[in-house]
Amino acid sequence: MRVAKGFRGRYFNLAAIAATVSCIQLHAQEVRAIQLERVVVSAANSEQDEEDVTEDITVITAEEIQERGYKTLKDALASVSGVSFTSNGGFGQPTSIYLRGLRSDQALVLIDGIRVNDVTGLNGAQYELYRLDNVERIEVVKGPQSGVWGADATAGVINIITKNSGKKFLSYGFNFGTFDSRSFDLSVGARVGQFDYLALLSTFKTQGFSAAKPGSGSPLYGSSGEDLGYENDPYSRRSYLLKV
């Protein structure tokens, strides 16, 4: 009887080991079946896999924009290492972006490969105007790109890729927030033969808040403009996009 018990114990141990090995093999097969999504970047003026790009590049995807609740270009860029910004107030107020500490006008901003830097301003692009309602991804290349894009890309390149429509769709959305903020987005797209088209209407309006504050020599120093009854800085924006 003692021999039978010992044999039975060894049998159950071997069965448990075999079951564990089978589970590991099944798990390994599942892991091998998972394929990472191929990310192609074009900010270097040619399409390359992200893993093959030698420059210091960060890609912000549409999924990340949605999950983290980014609404403006400034919000998204603030999450990238080596990028800092200054703003003169709330929505729509002049904003400067600094790549690796260089001047804001030394960073080139592209939308689908088209330059949008304002040559008449001091900040390069008008970062405060760009919302992320129809953005597929944002590519941030940090470091000199003057050899490819010219002198206004000394600090790097920010390439904004808008969404494409590969099938027929209609989407819309409403948002409400603090400072009496309201936004509405409507987009429609379809494929006609060998062509795709995408049309977008986006509106945003807010009462804003006062960016003015008492100076350090004032007895009211430390109080906010809202508490003192200062006039708010409202902002409204309406944009249209047609992409074929």
Protein backbone atom coordinates (compact mmCIF):
# COMPACT_ATOMS: atom_id res chain seq x y z
CA MET A 1 0.00 0.00 0.00
CA ARG A 2 2.85 2.39 0.73
CA VAL A 3 4.29 1.75 -2.74
CA ALA A 4 0.90 2.43 -4.34
CA LYS A 5 0.51 5.72 -2.45
CA GLY A 6 4.00 6.83 -3.46
CA PHE A 7 3.34 5.92 -7.06
CA ARG A 8 0.01 7.76 -7.02
CA GLY A 9 1.73 10.90 -5.65
CA ARG A 10 4.40 10.81 -8.35
CA TYR A 11 1.72 10.31 -10.98
CA PHE A 12 -0.23 13.40 -9.88
CA ASN A 13 2.99 15.46 -9.75
CA LEU A 14 3.88 14.44 -13.30
CA ALA A 15 0.34 15.25 -14.46
CA ALA A 16 0.53 18.73 -12.90
CA ILE A 17 3.90 19.38 -14.58
CA ALA A 18 2.52 18.24 -17.95
CA ALA A 19 -0.53 20.51 -17.57
CA THR A 20 1.70 23.48 -16.68
CA VAL A 21 3.93 22.90 -19.72
CA SER A 22 0.83 22.70 -21.97
CA CYS A 23 -0.48 26.02 -20.62
CA ILE A 24 2.90 27.67 -21.23
CA GLN A 25 2.96 26.36 -24.81
CA LEU A 26 -0.58 27.63 -25.48
CA HIS A 27 0.32 31.03 -24.01
CA ALA A 28 3.45 31.19 -26.16
CA GLN A 29 1.39 30.47 -29.26
CA GLU A 30 -1.01 33.30 -28.36
CA VAL A 31 1.89 35.71 -27.82
CA ARG A 32 3.40 34.82 -31.19
CA ALA A 33 0.04 35.51 -32.86
CA ILE A 34 0.05 39.16 -31.64
CA GLN A 35 1.54 41.57 -34.19
CA LEU A 36 2.44 45.14 -33.33
CA GLU A 37 0.88 47.82 -35.50
CA ARG A 38 3.27 49.20 -38.12
CA VAL A 39 3.85 52.90 -37.50
CA VAL A 40 5.02 54.90 -40.54
CA VAL A 41 6.32 58.44 -40.05
CA SER A 42 6.83 61.08 -42.75
CA ALA A 43 8.15 64.11 -40.86
CA ALA A 44 11.64 63.50 -42.31
CA ASN A 45 10.20 64.13 -45.82
CA SER A 46 10.08 60.41 -46.61
CA GLU A 47 7.95 57.57 -45.29
CA GLN A 48 9.85 55.28 -42.91
CA ASP A 49 9.00 52.81 -40.19
CA GLU A 50 9.28 54.47 -36.79
CA GLU A 51 11.87 51.92 -35.67
CA ASP A 52 14.09 52.78 -38.67
CA VAL A 53 14.16 56.55 -38.09
CA THR A 54 17.51 57.68 -36.68
CA GLU A 55 16.25 61.05 -35.41
CA ASP A 56 14.75 61.57 -31.95
CA ILE A 57 11.07 61.21 -32.82
CA THR A 58 7.85 60.92 -30.82
CA VAL A 59 4.54 59.82 -32.33
CA ILE A 60 1.25 60.76 -30.64
CA THR A 61 -1.55 58.58 -32.04
CA ALA A 62 -5.28 59.26 -32.28
CA GLU A 63 -5.89 56.62 -29.60
CA GLU A 64 -3.56 58.43 -27.21
CA ILE A 65 -5.23 61.77 -27.97
CA GLN A 66 -8.63 60.29 -27.14
CA GLU A 67 -7.54 58.38 -24.04
CA ARG A 68 -5.73 61.34 -22.48
CA GLY A 69 -8.34 63.91 -23.48
CA TYR A 70 -6.05 66.22 -25.48
CA LYS A 71 -8.06 69.03 -27.07
CA THR A 72 -5.41 71.38 -28.47
CA LEU A 73 -1.99 70.99 -30.05
CA LYS A 74 -0.45 72.57 -26.96
CA ASP A 75 -2.01 69.89 -24.74
CA ALA A 76 -0.53 67.08 -26.82
CA LEU A 77 2.94 68.61 -27.19
CA ALA A 78 3.15 69.31 -23.44
CA SER A 79 3.37 65.53 -22.88
CA VAL A 80 6.51 65.17 -25.05
CA SER A 81 9.91 65.23 -23.34
CA GLY A 82 12.15 68.08 -24.44
CA VAL A 83 9.16 70.30 -25.30
CA SER A 84 8.11 73.30 -23.23
CA PHE A 85 5.64 76.11 -23.83
CA THR A 86 4.46 79.50 -22.65
CA SER A 87 0.95 80.91 -23.01
CA ASN A 88 -0.48 84.37 -22.41
CA GLY A 89 -3.78 83.10 -21.06
CA GLY A 90 -6.52 80.62 -21.88
CA PHE A 91 -7.95 79.41 -25.17
CA GLY A 92 -6.89 81.35 -28.24
CA GLN A 93 -4.20 83.39 -26.50
CA PRO A 94 -0.71 83.58 -28.09
CA THR A 95 1.28 80.43 -27.34
CA SER A 96 4.93 79.57 -27.97
CA ILE A 97 6.39 76.07 -28.20
CA TYR A 98 10.09 75.43 -27.56
CA LEU A 99 11.81 72.29 -28.87
CA ARG A 100 14.94 71.58 -26.84
CA GLY A 101 14.94 75.18 -25.61
CA LEU A 102 15.25 76.80 -29.06
CA ARG A 103 13.02 79.65 -30.20
CA SER A 104 9.42 78.93 -31.15
CA ASP A 105 9.89 80.20 -34.71
CA GLN A 106 12.71 77.67 -35.24
CA ALA A 107 10.28 74.73 -35.14
CA LEU A 108 8.52 73.94 -38.41
CA VAL A 109 4.85 72.89 -38.21
CA LEU A 110 3.30 70.89 -41.06
CA ILE A 111 -0.25 69.73 -41.69
CA ASP A 112 -0.21 66.75 -44.05
CA GLY A 113 3.22 67.91 -45.24
CA ILE A 114 2.13 71.53 -45.89
CA ARG A 115 3.88 74.37 -44.02
CA VAL A 116 1.63 76.40 -41.72
CA ASN A 117 4.22 78.64 -40.04
CA ASP A 118 3.16 82.29 -39.97
CA VAL A 119 6.01 84.28 -41.50
CA THR A 120 4.49 87.55 -40.21
CA GLY A 121 4.52 86.48 -36.55
CA LEU A 122 7.16 85.86 -33.90
CA ASN A 123 6.02 82.42 -32.72
CA GLY A 124 6.35 80.48 -35.95
CA ALA A 125 3.03 78.64 -36.15
CA GLN A 126 -0.13 79.80 -34.40
CA TYR A 127 -0.21 76.92 -31.93
CA GLU A 128 -3.18 78.35 -30.05
CA LEU A 129 -5.49 77.84 -33.05
CA TYR A 130 -5.03 74.12 -33.71
CA ARG A 131 -7.49 71.68 -32.17
CA LEU A 132 -7.27 67.91 -32.53
CA ASP A 133 -10.77 67.08 -33.79
CA ASN A 134 -9.57 65.31 -36.94
CA VAL A 135 -5.99 64.30 -36.20
CA GLU A 136 -4.74 60.78 -36.96
CA ARG A 137 -1.30 61.28 -35.40
CA ILE A 138 1.29 63.92 -34.53
CA GLU A 139 4.96 63.34 -35.35
CA VAL A 140 7.50 65.36 -33.37
CA VAL A 141 11.09 65.24 -34.65
CA LYS A 142 13.46 66.90 -32.18
CA GLY A 143 16.78 68.15 -33.52
CA PRO A 144 18.03 70.06 -36.57
CA GLN A 145 16.14 69.31 -39.79
CA SER A 146 17.43 72.29 -41.79
CA GLY A 147 19.04 70.05 -44.38
CA VAL A 148 15.60 68.73 -45.34
CA TRP A 149 13.15 71.54 -44.57
CA GLY A 150 15.21 74.74 -44.40
CA ALA A 151 16.26 77.28 -41.77
CA ASP A 152 12.88 77.35 -40.00
CA ALA A 153 13.39 73.70 -38.91
CA THR A 154 16.50 74.30 -36.80
CA ALA A 155 14.79 73.05 -33.62
CA GLY A 156 12.81 70.27 -35.30
CA VAL A 157 9.58 69.45 -37.11
CA ILE A 158 6.01 68.95 -35.89
CA ASN A 159 3.99 67.10 -38.53
CA ILE A 160 0.21 66.84 -38.04
CA ILE A 161 -1.46 64.05 -40.05
CA THR A 162 -5.21 64.34 -40.49
CA LYS A 163 -7.52 61.36 -40.82
CA ASN A 164 -8.36 59.72 -44.13
CA SER A 165 -11.73 58.25 -45.05
CA GLY A 166 -11.47 54.75 -46.46
CA LYS A 167 -15.19 54.07 -46.19
CA LYS A 168 -18.50 55.91 -45.94
CA PHE A 169 -19.14 57.40 -42.51
CA LEU A 170 -20.86 60.23 -40.67
CA SER A 171 -19.90 61.33 -37.16
CA TYR A 172 -20.76 64.23 -34.89
CA GLY A 173 -20.23 65.23 -31.29
CA PHE A 174 -21.06 67.86 -28.67
CA ASN A 175 -18.95 68.90 -25.72
CA PHE A 176 -19.65 71.22 -22.79
CA GLY A 177 -17.19 72.35 -20.14
CA THR A 178 -16.13 74.98 -17.64
CA PHE A 179 -16.09 78.71 -18.43
CA ASP A 180 -19.26 78.13 -20.48
CA SER A 181 -17.24 76.24 -23.13
CA ARG A 182 -19.09 74.54 -25.99
CA SER A 183 -17.90 72.68 -29.06
CA PHE A 184 -19.53 70.88 -31.98
CA ASP A 185 -17.89 68.64 -34.57
CA LEU A 186 -19.38 67.18 -37.74
CA SER A 187 -17.48 65.05 -40.23
CA VAL A 188 -18.51 63.04 -43.27
CA GLY A 189 -16.43 60.94 -45.62
CA ALA A 190 -16.72 58.31 -48.33
CA ARG A 191 -14.87 56.54 -51.12
CA VAL A 192 -15.94 57.27 -54.70
CA GLY A 193 -14.12 55.09 -57.19
CA GLN A 194 -10.40 55.60 -56.66
CA PHE A 195 -10.90 58.79 -54.63
CA ASP A 196 -11.58 59.46 -50.95
CA TYR A 197 -13.07 62.66 -49.58
CA LEU A 198 -13.42 64.00 -46.07
CA ALA A 199 -15.35 67.11 -44.98
CA LEU A 200 -15.20 68.54 -41.47
CA LEU A 201 -16.97 71.36 -39.64
CA SER A 202 -15.71 72.27 -36.18
CA THR A 203 -16.83 75.07 -33.86
CA PHE A 204 -15.63 76.05 -30.40
CA LYS A 205 -16.70 78.89 -28.12
CA THR A 206 -15.87 79.79 -24.52
CA GLN A 207 -16.30 82.74 -22.19
CA GLY A 208 -12.76 82.12 -20.94
CA PHE A 209 -11.20 83.67 -17.87
CA SER A 210 -9.12 86.73 -17.12
CA ALA A 211 -5.38 86.26 -17.53
CA ALA A 212 -4.66 89.59 -15.81
CA LYS A 213 -3.38 89.49 -12.23
CA PRO A 214 -2.22 92.19 -9.80
CA GLY A 215 1.53 92.86 -9.82
CA SER A 216 3.88 91.96 -7.00
CA GLY A 217 3.72 95.55 -5.67
CA SER A 218 -0.05 95.53 -5.35
CA PRO A 219 -1.79 94.78 -2.02
CA LEU A 220 -4.02 92.43 -4.01
CA TYR A 221 -1.04 90.38 -5.22
CA GLY A 222 -1.91 86.68 -5.30
CA SER A 223 -5.56 87.20 -6.13
CA SER A 224 -6.91 85.90 -9.43
CA GLY A 225 -8.55 88.11 -12.01
CA GLU A 226 -11.77 86.14 -11.62
CA ASP A 227 -11.94 86.89 -7.91
CA LEU A 228 -11.38 90.60 -8.57
CA GLY A 229 -14.04 90.79 -11.26
CA TYR A 230 -11.65 91.43 -14.14
CA GLU A 231 -13.05 91.10 -17.64
CA ASN A 232 -12.85 87.58 -19.11
CA ASP A 233 -11.03 86.75 -22.35
CA PRO A 234 -13.66 85.03 -24.54
CA TYR A 235 -12.68 83.03 -27.59
CA SER A 236 -14.55 81.51 -30.51
CA ARG A 237 -13.35 79.52 -33.48
CA ARG A 238 -14.97 77.96 -36.54
CA SER A 239 -13.00 75.84 -38.98
CA TYR A 240 -13.75 73.95 -42.19
CA LEU A 241 -11.75 71.18 -43.80
CA LEU A 242 -12.15 69.51 -47.18
CA LYS A 243 -9.68 66.76 -48.00
CA VAL A 244 -9.68 64.79 -51.27
